Amino acid sequence: MMANRNVRVLIPQQRLELIDGKRVLLSYSVSTAKNGVGEKMGSECTPRGRHRIRAKIGAGQESGAVFVARRPTGEVFSNQLADRFPERDWILTRILWLSGLEPKRNRFGNVDSAKRYIYIHGSPDSEVKGQPRSHGCIRMKNADIIELFDRLDVGTIVEVLA
């Protein structure tokens, strides 16, 4: 259906682009890891290289739906909820779970993006200001992740460039 579509994450620009063939269809502000780029387990860095979307999680959930361990909690993000749980790393609305495609770089062993639970996911909009702030994932505004999610298939290639 969307065979020519892929995603490019430009870490220096804190941008995510939806590409169709050679044409940029959409471009979004994102927030990648505050610890920079890197692939090692436990680094809280954003992994570089070629990935694919392993799973799409959250179809039909409302904007702001809260996820823990890839499951909706039944909560919807609010400032009051954030005040009650200030330590939470908010994963909201939709999840695109990434799997690395490059052995020894972002696949297998202690550099495996899927085992690190690296996602493109919704986040409180205030957390996505085009600055690195995440714990390794790629954060997007909720309306943006909904729009992107609906345009992609499992298996879509995601290239993370530093």
N, C-alpha and C. Protein backbone atom coordinates (compact mmCIF):
# COMPACT_ATOMS: atom_id res chain seq x y z
N MET A 1 0.83 -1.20 0.00
CA MET A 1 0.00 0.00 0.00
C MET A 1 0.87 1.25 0.00
N MET A 2 1.84 1.32 0.90
CA MET A 2 2.68 2.52 1.00
C MET A 2 4.14 2.13 0.83
N ALA A 3 4.41 1.30 -0.17
CA ALA A 3 5.73 0.68 -0.34
C ALA A 3 6.87 1.67 -0.52
N ASN A 4 6.62 2.82 -1.11
CA ASN A 4 7.70 3.79 -1.34
C ASN A 4 7.91 4.73 -0.16
N ARG A 5 7.10 4.60 0.86
CA ARG A 5 7.22 5.51 2.00
C ARG A 5 8.26 5.02 2.98
N ASN A 6 9.03 5.97 3.48
CA ASN A 6 9.93 5.67 4.59
C ASN A 6 10.03 6.91 5.46
N VAL A 7 10.73 6.75 6.56
CA VAL A 7 10.86 7.82 7.54
C VAL A 7 12.34 8.11 7.73
N ARG A 8 12.65 9.38 7.85
CA ARG A 8 14.02 9.81 8.12
C ARG A 8 13.99 10.69 9.36
N VAL A 9 14.81 10.35 10.35
CA VAL A 9 14.94 11.14 11.57
C VAL A 9 16.28 11.85 11.49
N LEU A 10 16.25 13.17 11.52
CA LEU A 10 17.46 14.00 11.41
C LEU A 10 17.77 14.54 12.81
N ILE A 11 18.67 13.87 13.50
CA ILE A 11 18.93 14.22 14.90
C ILE A 11 19.47 15.64 15.05
N PRO A 12 20.44 16.11 14.24
CA PRO A 12 20.92 17.49 14.45
C PRO A 12 19.81 18.54 14.33
N GLN A 13 18.85 18.28 13.45
CA GLN A 13 17.75 19.24 13.25
C GLN A 13 16.54 18.95 14.14
N GLN A 14 16.56 17.80 14.86
CA GLN A 14 15.42 17.38 15.67
C GLN A 14 14.15 17.40 14.82
N ARG A 15 14.25 16.75 13.64
CA ARG A 15 13.14 16.66 12.69
C ARG A 15 12.92 15.21 12.30
N LEU A 16 11.68 14.89 11.99
CA LEU A 16 11.31 13.61 11.41
C LEU A 16 10.60 13.92 10.11
N GLU A 17 11.00 13.23 9.05
CA GLU A 17 10.40 13.45 7.73
C GLU A 17 9.76 12.17 7.23
N LEU A 18 8.56 12.30 6.69
CA LEU A 18 7.91 11.21 5.99
C LEU A 18 8.23 11.40 4.51
N ILE A 19 8.87 10.39 3.93
CA ILE A 19 9.35 10.46 2.55
C ILE A 19 8.52 9.51 1.69
N ASP A 20 8.15 9.96 0.50
CA ASP A 20 7.51 9.10 -0.49
C ASP A 20 8.37 9.16 -1.73
N GLY A 21 9.10 8.07 -2.00
CA GLY A 21 10.08 8.08 -3.08
C GLY A 21 11.20 9.03 -2.70
N LYS A 22 11.33 10.13 -3.40
CA LYS A 22 12.35 11.14 -3.07
C LYS A 22 11.73 12.43 -2.53
N ARG A 23 10.41 12.44 -2.40
CA ARG A 23 9.70 13.65 -2.00
C ARG A 23 9.36 13.64 -0.51
N VAL A 24 9.65 14.74 0.18
CA VAL A 24 9.25 14.89 1.58
C VAL A 24 7.77 15.25 1.62
N LEU A 25 6.96 14.36 2.20
CA LEU A 25 5.53 14.61 2.31
C LEU A 25 5.20 15.45 3.53
N LEU A 26 5.81 15.11 4.66
CA LEU A 26 5.54 15.78 5.92
C LEU A 26 6.83 15.89 6.72
N SER A 27 6.92 16.92 7.53
CA SER A 27 8.09 17.12 8.38
C SER A 27 7.59 17.57 9.75
N TYR A 28 8.14 16.94 10.80
CA TYR A 28 7.69 17.20 12.16
C TYR A 28 8.87 17.53 13.06
N SER A 29 8.61 18.36 14.06
CA SER A 29 9.56 18.58 15.15
C SER A 29 9.50 17.36 16.06
N VAL A 30 10.67 16.90 16.52
CA VAL A 30 10.75 15.76 17.44
C VAL A 30 11.72 16.09 18.56
N SER A 31 11.78 15.20 19.53
CA SER A 31 12.76 15.28 20.59
C SER A 31 13.42 13.91 20.71
N THR A 32 14.73 13.85 20.48
CA THR A 32 15.47 12.61 20.62
C THR A 32 16.19 12.64 21.98
N ALA A 33 17.12 11.73 22.19
CA ALA A 33 17.71 11.53 23.52
C ALA A 33 18.56 12.69 24.00
N LYS A 34 18.33 13.06 25.26
CA LYS A 34 19.17 14.10 25.88
C LYS A 34 20.60 13.61 26.03
N ASN A 35 20.83 12.28 26.06
CA ASN A 35 22.19 11.72 26.14
C ASN A 35 22.86 11.60 24.78
N GLY A 36 22.22 12.07 23.72
CA GLY A 36 22.82 12.02 22.39
C GLY A 36 22.55 10.71 21.68
N VAL A 37 23.44 10.37 20.76
CA VAL A 37 23.26 9.16 19.97
C VAL A 37 24.13 8.03 20.51
N GLY A 38 23.64 6.81 20.35
CA GLY A 38 24.36 5.63 20.78
C GLY A 38 23.44 4.44 20.78
N GLU A 39 24.03 3.29 20.75
CA GLU A 39 23.25 2.08 20.56
C GLU A 39 23.25 1.13 21.75
N LYS A 40 24.10 1.34 22.73
CA LYS A 40 24.25 0.36 23.81
C LYS A 40 23.05 0.33 24.77
N MET A 41 22.70 -0.86 25.18
CA MET A 41 21.66 -1.10 26.16
C MET A 41 21.97 -0.27 27.42
N GLY A 42 20.97 0.42 27.94
CA GLY A 42 21.12 1.20 29.16
C GLY A 42 21.72 2.59 28.96
N SER A 43 22.08 2.95 27.74
CA SER A 43 22.73 4.25 27.49
C SER A 43 21.76 5.42 27.50
N GLU A 44 20.46 5.13 27.30
CA GLU A 44 19.46 6.18 27.12
C GLU A 44 19.83 7.13 25.99
N CYS A 45 20.44 6.57 24.95
CA CYS A 45 20.78 7.31 23.73
C CYS A 45 19.86 6.85 22.60
N THR A 46 19.70 7.71 21.60
CA THR A 46 18.93 7.35 20.41
C THR A 46 19.83 6.58 19.44
N PRO A 47 19.40 5.38 19.04
CA PRO A 47 20.23 4.57 18.13
C PRO A 47 20.17 5.07 16.70
N ARG A 48 21.32 5.02 16.04
CA ARG A 48 21.43 5.45 14.65
C ARG A 48 21.20 4.27 13.71
N GLY A 49 21.08 4.60 12.44
CA GLY A 49 21.05 3.59 11.39
C GLY A 49 19.66 3.22 10.91
N ARG A 50 19.64 2.13 10.13
CA ARG A 50 18.40 1.66 9.50
C ARG A 50 17.61 0.78 10.48
N HIS A 51 16.34 1.10 10.57
CA HIS A 51 15.39 0.35 11.39
C HIS A 51 14.16 0.06 10.53
N ARG A 52 13.30 -0.75 11.06
CA ARG A 52 11.97 -0.91 10.47
C ARG A 52 10.96 -0.83 11.60
N ILE A 53 9.73 -0.49 11.23
CA ILE A 53 8.67 -0.48 12.23
C ILE A 53 8.27 -1.93 12.49
N ARG A 54 8.54 -2.37 13.70
CA ARG A 54 8.27 -3.74 14.12
C ARG A 54 6.79 -3.93 14.47
N ALA A 55 6.19 -2.90 15.10
CA ALA A 55 4.79 -2.97 15.52
C ALA A 55 4.22 -1.57 15.62
N LYS A 56 2.93 -1.48 15.34
CA LYS A 56 2.16 -0.25 15.54
C LYS A 56 1.20 -0.52 16.68
N ILE A 57 1.28 0.30 17.72
CA ILE A 57 0.51 0.07 18.94
C ILE A 57 -0.32 1.31 19.26
N GLY A 58 -1.59 1.09 19.55
CA GLY A 58 -2.43 2.19 20.02
C GLY A 58 -3.48 2.67 19.05
N ALA A 59 -3.66 1.99 17.92
CA ALA A 59 -4.69 2.41 16.96
C ALA A 59 -6.02 2.55 17.68
N GLY A 60 -6.70 3.66 17.44
CA GLY A 60 -8.02 3.87 18.02
C GLY A 60 -8.02 4.47 19.41
N GLN A 61 -6.87 4.54 20.07
CA GLN A 61 -6.80 5.18 21.38
C GLN A 61 -6.97 6.69 21.23
N GLU A 62 -7.50 7.33 22.24
CA GLU A 62 -7.67 8.78 22.16
C GLU A 62 -6.34 9.49 22.32
N SER A 63 -6.27 10.70 21.81
CA SER A 63 -5.06 11.51 21.96
C SER A 63 -4.78 11.71 23.44
N GLY A 64 -3.54 11.43 23.84
CA GLY A 64 -3.16 11.56 25.23
C GLY A 64 -3.29 10.28 26.03
N ALA A 65 -3.78 9.20 25.41
CA ALA A 65 -3.87 7.91 26.12
C ALA A 65 -2.49 7.54 26.63
N VAL A 66 -2.41 7.09 27.88
CA VAL A 66 -1.15 6.76 28.53
C VAL A 66 -0.85 5.27 28.35
N PHE A 67 0.41 4.97 27.99
CA PHE A 67 0.86 3.59 27.83
C PHE A 67 1.97 3.29 28.84
N VAL A 68 1.93 2.09 29.39
CA VAL A 68 3.00 1.56 30.22
C VAL A 68 3.25 0.15 29.71
N ALA A 69 4.49 -0.16 29.39
CA ALA A 69 4.86 -1.47 28.84
C ALA A 69 4.01 -1.79 27.60
N ARG A 70 3.79 -0.79 26.78
CA ARG A 70 3.08 -0.90 25.50
C ARG A 70 1.58 -1.22 25.66
N ARG A 71 1.05 -1.04 26.85
CA ARG A 71 -0.37 -1.29 27.10
C ARG A 71 -1.02 0.00 27.59
N PRO A 72 -2.23 0.30 27.09
CA PRO A 72 -2.93 1.49 27.60
C PRO A 72 -3.34 1.28 29.05
N THR A 73 -3.14 2.30 29.86
CA THR A 73 -3.45 2.21 31.29
C THR A 73 -4.89 2.60 31.58
N GLY A 74 -5.57 3.20 30.61
CA GLY A 74 -6.90 3.74 30.85
C GLY A 74 -6.86 5.20 31.24
N GLU A 75 -5.66 5.72 31.50
CA GLU A 75 -5.50 7.13 31.85
C GLU A 75 -5.36 7.97 30.57
N VAL A 76 -5.68 9.24 30.69
CA VAL A 76 -5.44 10.21 29.63
C VAL A 76 -4.58 11.30 30.25
N PHE A 77 -3.50 11.65 29.57
CA PHE A 77 -2.56 12.63 30.10
C PHE A 77 -3.24 13.96 30.40
N SER A 78 -2.88 14.53 31.55
CA SER A 78 -3.32 15.87 31.94
C SER A 78 -2.23 16.46 32.83
N ASN A 79 -2.27 17.75 33.03
CA ASN A 79 -1.30 18.39 33.92
C ASN A 79 -1.45 17.85 35.35
N GLN A 80 -2.68 17.54 35.76
CA GLN A 80 -2.89 16.99 37.09
C GLN A 80 -2.23 15.61 37.23
N LEU A 81 -2.35 14.79 36.20
CA LEU A 81 -1.71 13.47 36.21
C LEU A 81 -0.19 13.62 36.24
N ALA A 82 0.32 14.56 35.46
CA ALA A 82 1.77 14.82 35.44
C ALA A 82 2.26 15.27 36.81
N ASP A 83 1.47 16.09 37.49
CA ASP A 83 1.85 16.55 38.84
C ASP A 83 1.87 15.39 39.84
N ARG A 84 0.96 14.42 39.66
CA ARG A 84 0.91 13.27 40.57
C ARG A 84 2.05 12.28 40.33
N PHE A 85 2.54 12.21 39.08
CA PHE A 85 3.59 11.25 38.72
C PHE A 85 4.73 11.97 37.99
N PRO A 86 5.45 12.84 38.68
CA PRO A 86 6.47 13.65 38.01
C PRO A 86 7.66 12.84 37.47
N GLU A 87 7.84 11.62 37.95
CA GLU A 87 8.99 10.81 37.52
C GLU A 87 8.70 10.00 36.25
N ARG A 88 7.46 9.96 35.80
CA ARG A 88 7.11 9.13 34.63
C ARG A 88 7.71 9.68 33.35
N ASP A 89 8.18 8.77 32.51
CA ASP A 89 8.55 9.09 31.12
C ASP A 89 7.30 8.80 30.30
N TRP A 90 6.57 9.84 29.94
CA TRP A 90 5.24 9.70 29.35
C TRP A 90 5.32 9.15 27.93
N ILE A 91 4.64 8.03 27.71
CA ILE A 91 4.47 7.44 26.38
C ILE A 91 2.98 7.50 26.11
N LEU A 92 2.62 8.33 25.12
CA LEU A 92 1.22 8.67 24.90
C LEU A 92 0.76 8.37 23.47
N THR A 93 -0.53 8.16 23.32
CA THR A 93 -1.31 8.22 22.09
C THR A 93 -1.06 7.07 21.12
N ARG A 94 0.17 6.93 20.60
CA ARG A 94 0.53 5.88 19.64
C ARG A 94 2.00 5.52 19.86
N ILE A 95 2.34 4.27 19.49
CA ILE A 95 3.72 3.80 19.55
C ILE A 95 4.07 3.14 18.23
N LEU A 96 5.20 3.54 17.66
CA LEU A 96 5.81 2.84 16.53
C LEU A 96 7.09 2.22 17.09
N TRP A 97 7.07 0.91 17.29
CA TRP A 97 8.19 0.19 17.92
C TRP A 97 9.20 -0.14 16.84
N LEU A 98 10.46 0.26 17.04
CA LEU A 98 11.50 0.08 16.04
C LEU A 98 12.34 -1.16 16.30
N SER A 99 12.75 -1.77 15.20
CA SER A 99 13.67 -2.90 15.24
C SER A 99 14.85 -2.57 14.32
N GLY A 100 16.06 -2.69 14.83
CA GLY A 100 17.25 -2.40 14.03
C GLY A 100 17.42 -3.40 12.90
N LEU A 101 18.05 -2.95 11.84
CA LEU A 101 18.30 -3.80 10.67
C LEU A 101 19.79 -4.05 10.42
N GLU A 102 20.64 -3.47 11.27
CA GLU A 102 22.09 -3.57 11.04
C GLU A 102 22.75 -4.37 12.16
N PRO A 103 23.06 -5.67 11.89
CA PRO A 103 23.71 -6.49 12.92
C PRO A 103 24.97 -5.81 13.45
N LYS A 104 25.14 -5.91 14.77
CA LYS A 104 26.26 -5.34 15.52
C LYS A 104 26.20 -3.82 15.65
N ARG A 105 25.29 -3.16 14.92
CA ARG A 105 25.13 -1.71 15.07
C ARG A 105 23.87 -1.39 15.88
N ASN A 106 22.73 -1.95 15.46
CA ASN A 106 21.48 -1.68 16.16
C ASN A 106 20.58 -2.92 16.23
N ARG A 107 21.18 -4.08 15.98
CA ARG A 107 20.45 -5.35 16.01
C ARG A 107 21.32 -6.42 16.66
N PHE A 108 20.71 -7.20 17.53
CA PHE A 108 21.33 -8.30 18.26
C PHE A 108 22.22 -7.79 19.41
N GLY A 109 22.46 -8.67 20.35
CA GLY A 109 23.35 -8.37 21.46
C GLY A 109 22.92 -7.18 22.28
N ASN A 110 23.92 -6.43 22.77
CA ASN A 110 23.63 -5.30 23.67
C ASN A 110 23.39 -3.99 22.91
N VAL A 111 23.13 -4.07 21.60
CA VAL A 111 22.81 -2.87 20.81
C VAL A 111 21.47 -3.03 20.08
N ASP A 112 20.64 -3.96 20.50
CA ASP A 112 19.41 -4.27 19.79
C ASP A 112 18.31 -3.24 20.11
N SER A 113 17.91 -2.47 19.10
CA SER A 113 16.91 -1.41 19.31
C SER A 113 15.58 -1.96 19.79
N ALA A 114 15.15 -3.11 19.28
CA ALA A 114 13.87 -3.68 19.72
C ALA A 114 13.93 -4.08 21.19
N LYS A 115 15.02 -4.72 21.60
CA LYS A 115 15.17 -5.13 23.00
C LYS A 115 15.35 -3.93 23.92
N ARG A 116 15.80 -2.81 23.36
CA ARG A 116 15.92 -1.56 24.13
C ARG A 116 14.58 -0.83 24.21
N TYR A 117 13.57 -1.33 23.51
CA TYR A 117 12.25 -0.71 23.47
C TYR A 117 12.35 0.73 22.96
N ILE A 118 12.97 0.86 21.79
CA ILE A 118 13.08 2.17 21.15
C ILE A 118 11.83 2.39 20.30
N TYR A 119 11.14 3.50 20.59
CA TYR A 119 9.89 3.83 19.91
C TYR A 119 9.95 5.23 19.31
N ILE A 120 9.07 5.43 18.35
CA ILE A 120 8.59 6.77 17.99
C ILE A 120 7.23 6.83 18.68
N HIS A 121 7.03 7.81 19.56
CA HIS A 121 5.78 7.81 20.34
C HIS A 121 5.32 9.22 20.65
N GLY A 122 4.05 9.32 21.01
CA GLY A 122 3.50 10.58 21.47
C GLY A 122 4.03 10.91 22.85
N SER A 123 4.03 12.20 23.13
CA SER A 123 4.58 12.72 24.37
C SER A 123 3.78 13.97 24.74
N PRO A 124 3.83 14.41 25.98
CA PRO A 124 3.20 15.71 26.26
C PRO A 124 3.76 16.75 25.27
N ASP A 125 2.88 17.49 24.64
CA ASP A 125 3.33 18.44 23.62
C ASP A 125 4.39 19.39 24.14
N SER A 126 4.34 19.72 25.43
CA SER A 126 5.33 20.62 26.02
C SER A 126 6.73 20.01 26.05
N GLU A 127 6.83 18.68 25.88
CA GLU A 127 8.12 17.98 25.89
C GLU A 127 8.76 17.90 24.50
N VAL A 128 8.07 18.38 23.48
CA VAL A 128 8.58 18.29 22.11
C VAL A 128 8.80 19.71 21.60
N LYS A 129 10.02 20.20 21.81
CA LYS A 129 10.33 21.58 21.43
C LYS A 129 11.54 21.62 20.51
N GLY A 130 11.79 20.53 19.79
CA GLY A 130 12.93 20.51 18.89
C GLY A 130 14.26 20.48 19.62
N GLN A 131 14.23 19.96 20.86
CA GLN A 131 15.45 19.84 21.66
C GLN A 131 15.54 18.42 22.18
N PRO A 132 16.77 17.86 22.27
CA PRO A 132 16.93 16.51 22.80
C PRO A 132 16.52 16.47 24.28
N ARG A 133 15.52 15.63 24.59
CA ARG A 133 15.03 15.54 25.97
C ARG A 133 14.61 14.13 26.37
N SER A 134 14.63 13.18 25.45
CA SER A 134 14.08 11.86 25.74
C SER A 134 15.09 10.95 26.42
N HIS A 135 14.64 9.73 26.71
CA HIS A 135 15.49 8.70 27.32
C HIS A 135 15.96 7.70 26.27
N GLY A 136 15.94 8.10 24.99
CA GLY A 136 16.39 7.24 23.90
C GLY A 136 15.40 7.17 22.75
N CYS A 137 14.12 7.30 23.08
CA CYS A 137 13.09 7.23 22.04
C CYS A 137 13.01 8.54 21.25
N ILE A 138 12.13 8.53 20.27
CA ILE A 138 11.88 9.71 19.45
C ILE A 138 10.47 10.18 19.81
N ARG A 139 10.40 11.31 20.49
CA ARG A 139 9.13 11.85 20.96
C ARG A 139 8.52 12.77 19.91
N MET A 140 7.19 12.67 19.79
CA MET A 140 6.44 13.54 18.89
C MET A 140 5.24 14.14 19.62
N LYS A 141 4.74 15.24 19.10
CA LYS A 141 3.48 15.80 19.60
C LYS A 141 2.36 14.82 19.25
N ASN A 142 1.32 14.82 20.05
CA ASN A 142 0.25 13.84 19.90
C ASN A 142 -0.47 13.90 18.57
N ALA A 143 -0.83 15.08 18.10
CA ALA A 143 -1.50 15.18 16.80
C ALA A 143 -0.57 14.70 15.68
N ASP A 144 0.73 14.96 15.83
CA ASP A 144 1.71 14.55 14.81
C ASP A 144 1.86 13.04 14.76
N ILE A 145 1.94 12.36 15.92
CA ILE A 145 2.10 10.91 15.91
C ILE A 145 0.85 10.24 15.36
N ILE A 146 -0.32 10.79 15.63
CA ILE A 146 -1.56 10.22 15.05
C ILE A 146 -1.50 10.32 13.53
N GLU A 147 -1.14 11.49 13.02
CA GLU A 147 -1.07 11.68 11.57
C GLU A 147 -0.05 10.73 10.94
N LEU A 148 1.14 10.63 11.53
CA LEU A 148 2.19 9.76 11.00
C LEU A 148 1.78 8.29 11.09
N PHE A 149 1.30 7.87 12.24
CA PHE A 149 0.89 6.48 12.48
C PHE A 149 -0.07 5.99 11.40
N ASP A 150 -1.03 6.83 11.08
CA ASP A 150 -2.06 6.44 10.11
C ASP A 150 -1.53 6.35 8.68
N ARG A 151 -0.34 6.86 8.43
CA ARG A 151 0.24 6.86 7.08
C ARG A 151 1.31 5.79 6.88
N LEU A 152 1.58 5.01 7.92
CA LEU A 152 2.67 4.03 7.84
C LEU A 152 2.17 2.61 8.07
N ASP A 153 2.93 1.66 7.53
CA ASP A 153 2.66 0.24 7.73
C ASP A 153 3.76 -0.37 8.58
N VAL A 154 3.45 -1.49 9.24
CA VAL A 154 4.49 -2.30 9.86
C VAL A 154 5.48 -2.66 8.74
N GLY A 155 6.76 -2.60 9.03
CA GLY A 155 7.78 -2.89 8.04
C GLY A 155 8.38 -1.66 7.38
N THR A 156 7.75 -0.50 7.55
CA THR A 156 8.28 0.74 6.97
C THR A 156 9.69 0.97 7.50
N ILE A 157 10.58 1.41 6.61
CA ILE A 157 11.98 1.70 6.96
C ILE A 157 12.06 3.06 7.65
N VAL A 158 12.82 3.10 8.74
CA VAL A 158 13.10 4.33 9.49
C VAL A 158 14.62 4.48 9.56
N GLU A 159 15.13 5.54 8.97
CA GLU A 159 16.57 5.82 8.98
C GLU A 159 16.83 6.92 10.00
N VAL A 160 17.68 6.64 10.99
CA VAL A 160 18.03 7.62 12.01
C VAL A 160 19.44 8.13 11.71
N LEU A 161 19.53 9.43 11.40
CA LEU A 161 20.79 10.03 10.95
C LEU A 161 21.28 11.05 11.96
N ALA A 162 22.57 10.97 12.30
CA ALA A 162 23.15 11.90 13.27
C ALA A 162 24.05 12.90 12.58
